[in-house]
PDB file of N, CA and C in Angstrom:
ATOM      1  N   MET A   1      10.260   1.301   9.448  1.00  0.00           N
ATOM      2  CA  MET A   1       9.027   1.193   8.950  1.00  0.00           C
ATOM      3  C   MET A   1       9.566   1.213   7.516  1.00  0.00           C
ATOM      4  N   TYR A   2       7.909   0.619   7.045  1.00  0.00           N
ATOM      5  CA  TYR A   2       7.938   0.418   5.857  1.00  0.00           C
ATOM      6  C   TYR A   2       7.150   1.812   5.254  1.00  0.00           C
ATOM      7  N   GLN A   3       7.330   2.188   4.027  1.00  0.00           N
ATOM      8  CA  GLN A   3       6.530   2.961   3.753  1.00  0.00           C
ATOM      9  C   GLN A   3       5.822   2.456   2.511  1.00  0.00           C
ATOM     10  N   ILE A   4       4.393   2.590   2.578  1.00  0.00           N
ATOM     11  CA  ILE A   4       3.564   2.268   0.783  1.00  0.00           C
ATOM     12  C   ILE A   4       3.293   3.507   0.648  1.00  0.00           C
ATOM     13  N   LYS A   5       3.511   3.431  -0.497  1.00  0.00           N
ATOM     14  CA  LYS A   5       2.702   4.717  -1.643  1.00  0.00           C
ATOM     15  C   LYS A   5       1.631   4.215  -2.569  1.00  0.00           C
ATOM     16  N   ALA A   6       0.948   4.977  -2.044  1.00  0.00           N
ATOM     17  CA  ALA A   6      -0.946   4.253  -2.416  1.00  0.00           C
ATOM     18  C   ALA A   6      -0.940   6.012  -3.198  1.00  0.00           C
ATOM     19  N   PHE A   7      -1.636   5.213  -4.865  1.00  0.00           N
ATOM     20  CA  PHE A   7      -2.043   6.559  -5.845  1.00  0.00           C
ATOM     21  C   PHE A   7      -3.368   6.564  -6.435  1.00  0.00           C
ATOM     22  N   TRP A   8      -4.566   7.660  -6.481  1.00  0.00           N
ATOM     23  CA  TRP A   8      -6.077   6.802  -7.169  1.00  0.00           C
ATOM     24  C   TRP A   8      -5.587   6.835  -8.219  1.00  0.00           C
ATOM     25  N   ASP A   9      -6.149   5.908  -9.192  1.00  0.00           N
ATOM     26  CA  ASP A   9      -6.245   5.927 -10.451  1.00  0.00           C
ATOM     27  C   ASP A   9      -7.547   5.884 -10.851  1.00  0.00           C
ATOM     28  N   ALA A  10      -8.274   7.180 -11.487  1.00  0.00           N
ATOM     29  CA  ALA A  10      -9.730   7.609 -11.473  1.00  0.00           C
ATOM     30  C   ALA A  10     -10.386   6.125 -12.691  1.00  0.00           C
ATOM     31  N   ASP A  11      -9.795   6.197 -13.670  1.00  0.00           N
ATOM     32  CA  ASP A  11      -9.632   5.273 -14.963  1.00  0.00           C
ATOM     33  C   ASP A  11      -9.972   4.004 -14.383  1.00  0.00           C
ATOM     34  N   SER A  12      -9.879   2.870 -13.641  1.00  0.00           N
ATOM     35  CA  SER A  12     -10.032   2.506 -12.880  1.00  0.00           C
ATOM     36  C   SER A  12     -11.290   1.948 -11.923  1.00  0.00           C
ATOM     37  N   ARG A  13     -11.085   3.416 -11.289  1.00  0.00           N
ATOM     38  CA  ARG A  13     -12.010   3.903 -10.410  1.00  0.00           C
ATOM     39  C   ARG A  13     -11.671   2.777  -8.828  1.00  0.00           C
ATOM     40  N   MET A  14      -9.882   2.806  -8.391  1.00  0.00           N
ATOM     41  CA  MET A  14      -9.210   2.081  -7.534  1.00  0.00           C
ATOM     42  C   MET A  14      -7.918   2.473  -7.373  1.00  0.00           C
ATOM     43  N   TRP A  15      -7.588   2.103  -5.782  1.00  0.00           N
ATOM     44  CA  TRP A  15      -6.258   2.467  -5.029  1.00  0.00           C
ATOM     45  C   TRP A  15      -5.289   1.975  -5.190  1.00  0.00           C
ATOM     46  N   HIS A  16      -4.482   2.291  -5.928  1.00  0.00           N
ATOM     47  CA  HIS A  16      -2.887   1.128  -6.032  1.00  0.00           C
ATOM     48  C   HIS A  16      -1.933   1.136  -4.870  1.00  0.00           C
ATOM     49  N   GLY A  17      -1.216   0.074  -4.319  1.00  0.00           N
ATOM     50  CA  GLY A  17       0.079   0.528  -3.514  1.00  0.00           C
ATOM     51  C   GLY A  17       0.936  -0.651  -4.012  1.00  0.00           C
ATOM     52  N   GLY A  18       1.789   0.238  -3.066  1.00  0.00           N
ATOM     53  CA  GLY A  18       3.363  -0.486  -2.829  1.00  0.00           C
ATOM     54  C   GLY A  18       3.764   0.511  -2.047  1.00  0.00           C
ATOM     55  N   SER A  19       5.528  -0.121  -1.902  1.00  0.00           N
ATOM     56  CA  SER A  19       6.727   0.318  -1.552  1.00  0.00           C
ATOM     57  C   SER A  19       7.704  -0.723  -1.801  1.00  0.00           C
ATOM     58  N   ASP A  20       8.903   0.539  -2.601  1.00  0.00           N
ATOM     59  CA  ASP A  20      10.446   0.174  -2.832  1.00  0.00           C
ATOM     60  C   ASP A  20      11.159  -0.916  -1.546  1.00  0.00           C
ATOM     61  N   GLU A  21      10.457  -0.710  -0.896  1.00  0.00           N
ATOM     62  CA  GLU A  21      11.605  -1.249   0.165  1.00  0.00           C
ATOM     63  C   GLU A  21      10.971  -3.441   0.202  1.00  0.00           C
ATOM     64  N   LEU A  22       9.908  -3.434  -0.611  1.00  0.00           N
ATOM     65  CA  LEU A  22       8.707  -4.895  -0.913  1.00  0.00           C
ATOM     66  C   LEU A  22       8.419  -4.727  -1.679  1.00  0.00           C
ATOM     67  N   PRO A  23       9.279  -4.537  -3.301  1.00  0.00           N
ATOM     68  CA  PRO A  23       8.262  -4.433  -4.619  1.00  0.00           C
ATOM     69  C   PRO A  23       7.604  -5.624  -4.464  1.00  0.00           C
ATOM     70  N   GLN A  24       7.392  -7.038  -3.829  1.00  0.00           N
ATOM     71  CA  GLN A  24       6.770  -8.136  -3.733  1.00  0.00           C
ATOM     72  C   GLN A  24       5.016  -8.207  -3.266  1.00  0.00           C
ATOM     73  N   LEU A  25       5.082  -6.854  -3.119  1.00  0.00           N
ATOM     74  CA  LEU A  25       3.636  -6.306  -2.246  1.00  0.00           C
ATOM     75  C   LEU A  25       3.175  -5.195  -3.485  1.00  0.00           C
ATOM     76  N   ALA A  26       1.984  -5.538  -4.254  1.00  0.00           N
ATOM     77  CA  ALA A  26       1.609  -4.447  -5.007  1.00  0.00           C
ATOM     78  C   ALA A  26      -0.133  -5.111  -4.877  1.00  0.00           C
ATOM     79  N   VAL A  27      -0.587  -3.855  -4.279  1.00  0.00           N
ATOM     80  CA  VAL A  27      -2.239  -3.854  -3.447  1.00  0.00           C
ATOM     81  C   VAL A  27      -3.111  -3.401  -5.006  1.00  0.00           C
ATOM     82  N   GLN A  28      -4.536  -3.453  -4.397  1.00  0.00           N
ATOM     83  CA  GLN A  28      -5.126  -2.629  -5.003  1.00  0.00           C
ATOM     84  C   GLN A  28      -6.085  -2.605  -3.923  1.00  0.00           C
ATOM     85  N   ALA A  29      -7.132  -1.408  -4.093  1.00  0.00           N
ATOM     86  CA  ALA A  29      -8.700  -1.417  -3.197  1.00  0.00           C
ATOM     87  C   ALA A  29      -9.348  -0.273  -4.209  1.00  0.00           C
ATOM     88  N   PRO A  30     -10.755  -0.974  -3.621  1.00  0.00           N
ATOM     89  CA  PRO A  30     -12.212   0.492  -4.758  1.00  0.00           C
ATOM     90  C   PRO A  30     -12.211   0.978  -3.172  1.00  0.00           C
ATOM     91  N   THR A  31     -11.325   1.372  -1.836  1.00  0.00           N
ATOM     92  CA  THR A  31     -11.414   2.709  -1.370  1.00  0.00           C
ATOM     93  C   THR A  31      -9.703   2.245  -0.834  1.00  0.00           C
ATOM     94  N   MET A  32      -9.474   3.173   0.307  1.00  0.00           N
ATOM     95  CA  MET A  32      -8.669   3.265   0.902  1.00  0.00           C
ATOM     96  C   MET A  32      -7.631   2.355   2.283  1.00  0.00           C
ATOM     97  N   GLU A  33      -8.933   2.591   2.604  1.00  0.00           N
ATOM     98  CA  GLU A  33      -9.139   1.691   3.981  1.00  0.00           C
ATOM     99  C   GLU A  33      -8.781   0.025   3.217  1.00  0.00           C
ATOM    100  N   ASP A  34     -10.060  -0.382   2.612  1.00  0.00           N
ATOM    101  CA  ASP A  34      -9.862  -1.066   1.863  1.00  0.00           C
ATOM    102  C   ASP A  34      -7.916  -1.642   1.612  1.00  0.00           C
ATOM    103  N   LEU A  35      -7.398  -0.910   0.748  1.00  0.00           N
ATOM    104  CA  LEU A  35      -6.126  -1.416   0.901  1.00  0.00           C
ATOM    105  C   LEU A  35      -4.852  -0.920   1.792  1.00  0.00           C
ATOM    106  N   ILE A  36      -5.486  -0.773   2.962  1.00  0.00           N
ATOM    107  CA  ILE A  36      -4.997  -0.854   4.561  1.00  0.00           C
ATOM    108  C   ILE A  36      -5.036  -1.941   4.959  1.00  0.00           C
ATOM    109  N   ALA A  37      -6.395  -1.896   4.887  1.00  0.00           N
ATOM    110  CA  ALA A  37      -6.400  -3.931   5.585  1.00  0.00           C
ATOM    111  C   ALA A  37      -5.739  -4.659   4.556  1.00  0.00           C
ATOM    112  N   ASP A  38      -5.629  -4.409   3.397  1.00  0.00           N
ATOM    113  CA  ASP A  38      -5.089  -5.656   2.766  1.00  0.00           C
ATOM    114  C   ASP A  38      -3.048  -5.303   2.896  1.00  0.00           C
ATOM    115  N   VAL A  39      -3.277  -4.246   2.479  1.00  0.00           N
ATOM    116  CA  VAL A  39      -1.646  -4.221   3.365  1.00  0.00           C
ATOM    117  C   VAL A  39      -1.147  -4.808   4.336  1.00  0.00           C
ATOM    118  N   ARG A  40      -1.954  -4.647   5.394  1.00  0.00           N
ATOM    119  CA  ARG A  40      -1.870  -4.779   6.838  1.00  0.00           C
ATOM    120  C   ARG A  40      -1.527  -6.332   7.089  1.00  0.00           C
ATOM    121  N   GLN A  41      -2.610  -7.595   6.241  1.00  0.00           N
ATOM    122  CA  GLN A  41      -2.834  -8.757   5.818  1.00  0.00           C
ATOM    123  C   GLN A  41      -1.240  -9.187   5.128  1.00  0.00           C
ATOM    124  N   ARG A  42      -1.015  -8.702   4.235  1.00  0.00           N
ATOM    125  CA  ARG A  42      -0.372  -9.512   3.519  1.00  0.00           C
ATOM    126  C   ARG A  42       1.534  -9.202   3.320  1.00  0.00           C
ATOM    127  N   ILE A  43       1.846  -7.706   4.118  1.00  0.00           N
ATOM    128  CA  ILE A  43       2.907  -7.352   4.237  1.00  0.00           C
ATOM    129  C   ILE A  43       3.539  -8.805   4.905  1.00  0.00           C
ATOM    130  N   VAL A  44       2.878  -9.144   5.834  1.00  0.00           N
ATOM    131  CA  VAL A  44       3.374 -10.568   6.924  1.00  0.00           C
ATOM    132  C   VAL A  44       4.148 -11.727   5.839  1.00  0.00           C
ATOM    133  N   ASP A  45       3.635 -12.004   4.363  1.00  0.00           N
ATOM    134  CA  ASP A  45       3.311 -12.492   3.421  1.00  0.00           C
ATOM    135  C   ASP A  45       5.098 -11.799   2.971  1.00  0.00           C
ATOM    136  N   VAL A  46       5.174 -10.646   2.818  1.00  0.00           N
ATOM    137  CA  VAL A  46       6.204 -10.853   1.974  1.00  0.00           C
ATOM    138  C   VAL A  46       7.729 -10.161   2.688  1.00  0.00           C
ATOM    139  N   LEU A  47       7.887  -9.747   3.896  1.00  0.00           N
ATOM    140  CA  LEU A  47       8.738  -9.398   4.392  1.00  0.00           C
ATOM    141  C   LEU A  47       9.620 -10.283   4.197  1.00  0.00           C
ATOM    142  N   PRO A  48      11.001 -10.186   4.398  1.00  0.00           N
ATOM    143  CA  PRO A  48      12.220 -10.088   4.297  1.00  0.00           C
ATOM    144  C   PRO A  48      12.344 -11.557   5.640  1.00  0.00           C
ATOM    145  N   MET A  49      13.400 -13.076   5.879  1.00  0.00           N
ATOM    146  CA  MET A  49      13.760 -14.012   6.729  1.00  0.00           C
ATOM    147  C   MET A  49      14.855 -13.153   6.779  1.00  0.00           C
ATOM    148  N   ASP A  50      15.018 -13.152   8.121  1.00  0.00           N
ATOM    149  CA  ASP A  50      16.984 -13.318   8.994  1.00  0.00           C
ATOM    150  C   ASP A  50      17.213 -14.550   8.533  1.00  0.00           C
ATOM    151  N   GLN A  51      18.392 -14.944   9.262  1.00  0.00           N
ATOM    152  CA  GLN A  51      19.605 -15.449   8.989  1.00  0.00           C
ATOM    153  C   GLN A  51      19.258 -17.007   9.070  1.00  0.00           C
ATOM    154  N   HIS A  52      17.988 -17.393   9.759  1.00  0.00           N
ATOM    155  CA  HIS A  52      17.752 -18.734  10.572  1.00  0.00           C
ATOM    156  C   HIS A  52      16.342 -19.692   9.631  1.00  0.00           C
ATOM    157  N   GLY A  53      15.809 -17.958   9.096  1.00  0.00           N
ATOM    158  CA  GLY A  53      14.372 -18.661   7.862  1.00  0.00           C
ATOM    159  C   GLY A  53      13.532 -17.926   8.427  1.00  0.00           C
ATOM    160  N   HIS A  54      13.469 -17.581   9.289  1.00  0.00           N
ATOM    161  CA  HIS A  54      12.325 -17.093  10.479  1.00  0.00           C
ATOM    162  C   HIS A  54      11.993 -15.378   9.205  1.00  0.00           C
ATOM    163  N   ARG A  55      10.324 -14.673   9.166  1.00  0.00           N
ATOM    164  CA  ARG A  55      10.231 -13.574   9.566  1.00  0.00           C
ATOM    165  C   ARG A  55      10.258 -13.021  10.781  1.00  0.00           C
ATOM    166  N   HIS A  56      10.485 -12.048  11.347  1.00  0.00           N
ATOM    167  CA  HIS A  56      10.744 -11.557  13.051  1.00  0.00           C
ATOM    168  C   HIS A  56      10.038 -10.570  13.658  1.00  0.00           C
ATOM    169  N   GLY A  57       9.451 -11.822  14.556  1.00  0.00           N
ATOM    170  CA  GLY A  57       8.202 -11.306  15.652  1.00  0.00           C
ATOM    171  C   GLY A  57       7.733  -9.803  16.272  1.00  0.00           C
ATOM    172  N   ASP A  58       8.528  -9.154  15.573  1.00  0.00           N
ATOM    173  CA  ASP A  58       8.305  -7.634  15.864  1.00  0.00           C
ATOM    174  C   ASP A  58       6.739  -7.229  15.892  1.00  0.00           C
ATOM    175  N   PRO A  59       6.637  -6.337  16.192  1.00  0.00           N
ATOM    176  CA  PRO A  59       5.079  -5.717  15.529  1.00  0.00           C
ATOM    177  C   PRO A  59       6.189  -4.346  14.105  1.00  0.00           C
ATOM    178  N   ILE A  60       5.334  -4.987  12.929  1.00  0.00           N
ATOM    179  CA  ILE A  60       5.538  -4.250  11.769  1.00  0.00           C
ATOM    180  C   ILE A  60       4.850  -2.623  11.797  1.00  0.00           C
ATOM    181  N   ALA A  61       6.138  -1.767  11.783  1.00  0.00           N
ATOM    182  CA  ALA A  61       6.118  -0.456  11.343  1.00  0.00           C
ATOM    183  C   ALA A  61       5.581   0.131  10.008  1.00  0.00           C
ATOM    184  N   ILE A  62       4.143   0.520   9.794  1.00  0.00           N
ATOM    185  CA  ILE A  62       3.825   0.578   8.360  1.00  0.00           C
ATOM    186  C   ILE A  62       3.531   2.273   8.167  1.00  0.00           C
ATOM    187  N   SER A  63       3.971   2.729   7.556  1.00  0.00           N
ATOM    188  CA  SER A  63       3.328   4.167   6.950  1.00  0.00           C
ATOM    189  C   SER A  63       2.473   4.328   5.601  1.00  0.00           C
ATOM    190  N   PHE A  64       1.748   5.024   5.363  1.00  0.00           N
ATOM    191  CA  PHE A  64       0.793   5.057   3.784  1.00  0.00           C
ATOM    192  C   PHE A  64       0.652   6.502   3.792  1.00  0.00           C
ATOM    193  N   ILE A  65       1.381   6.658   2.253  1.00  0.00           N
ATOM    194  CA  ILE A  65       1.246   7.889   1.789  1.00  0.00           C
ATOM    195  C   ILE A  65       0.733   7.717   0.502  1.00  0.00           C
ATOM    196  N   ALA A  66      -0.101   8.688   0.379  1.00  0.00           N
ATOM    197  CA  ALA A  66      -1.463   8.861  -0.427  1.00  0.00           C
ATOM    198  C   ALA A  66      -1.628   9.877  -1.642  1.00  0.00           C
ATOM    199  N   SER A  67      -1.768   9.443  -2.446  1.00  0.00           N
ATOM    200  CA  SER A  67      -1.835  11.009  -3.484  1.00  0.00           C
ATOM    201  C   SER A  67      -3.000  10.536  -4.311  1.00  0.00           C
ATOM    202  N   ARG A  68      -4.260  11.509  -4.597  1.00  0.00           N
ATOM    203  CA  ARG A  68      -4.951  11.702  -5.504  1.00  0.00           C
ATOM    204  C   ARG A  68      -4.990  13.089  -6.005  1.00  0.00           C
ATOM    205  N   SER A  69      -5.244  13.191  -7.522  1.00  0.00           N
ATOM    206  CA  SER A  69      -5.739  14.218  -8.260  1.00  0.00           C
ATOM    207  C   SER A  69      -6.922  14.006  -8.940  1.00  0.00           C
ATOM    208  N   GLU A  70      -7.994  15.282  -8.686  1.00  0.00           N
ATOM    209  CA  GLU A  70      -9.070  15.581  -9.761  1.00  0.00           C
ATOM    210  C   GLU A  70      -8.788  16.089 -10.953  1.00  0.00           C
ATOM    211  N   HIS A  71     -10.224  16.374 -11.261  1.00  0.00           N
ATOM    212  CA  HIS A  71     -10.191  17.658 -12.681  1.00  0.00           C
ATOM    213  C   HIS A  71     -11.759  17.827 -12.256  1.00  0.00           C
ATOM    214  N   VAL A  72     -12.137  19.511 -12.198  1.00  0.00           N
ATOM    215  CA  VAL A  72     -13.012  19.989 -11.928  1.00  0.00           C
ATOM    216  C   VAL A  72     -13.765  20.642 -12.904  1.00  0.00           C
ATOM    217  N   GLN A  73     -14.988  20.548 -13.481  1.00  0.00           N
ATOM    218  CA  GLN A  73     -14.941  21.743 -14.685  1.00  0.00           C
ATOM    219  C   GLN A  73     -15.549  23.390 -14.617  1.00  0.00           C
ATOM    220  N   ARG A  74     -15.167  24.522 -14.480  1.00  0.00           N
ATOM    221  CA  ARG A  74     -14.964  25.601 -14.551  1.00  0.00           C
ATOM    222  C   ARG A  74     -16.749  25.396 -14.744  1.00  0.00           C
ATOM    223  N   ARG A  75     -17.155  26.421 -13.454  1.00  0.00           N
ATOM    224  CA  ARG A  75     -18.738  26.959 -14.143  1.00  0.00           C
ATOM    225  C   ARG A  75     -18.812  28.629 -13.998  1.00  0.00           C
ATOM    226  N   TYR A  76     -19.226  28.813 -15.694  1.00  0.00           N
ATOM    227  CA  TYR A  76     -19.256  30.302 -15.847  1.00  0.00           C
ATOM    228  C   TYR A  76     -20.909  30.942 -16.244  1.00  0.00           C
TER     229      TYR A  76
END
């Protein structure tokens, strides 16, 4: 299973994601749903090849871990 770590960047208002196991995979998107869709499309292109130069044909398991922090003002 490939683990994708995603975090929200409030300045750019974008989700950024990547994987330690697949350093070539770097994505960003305005919503988490868009980021997941982008990963699903791109991950096939960055998977390691087998000894015959082919990418494995089995389904790819992907796990997403997301982090988002916010600041709010107190009301007095």
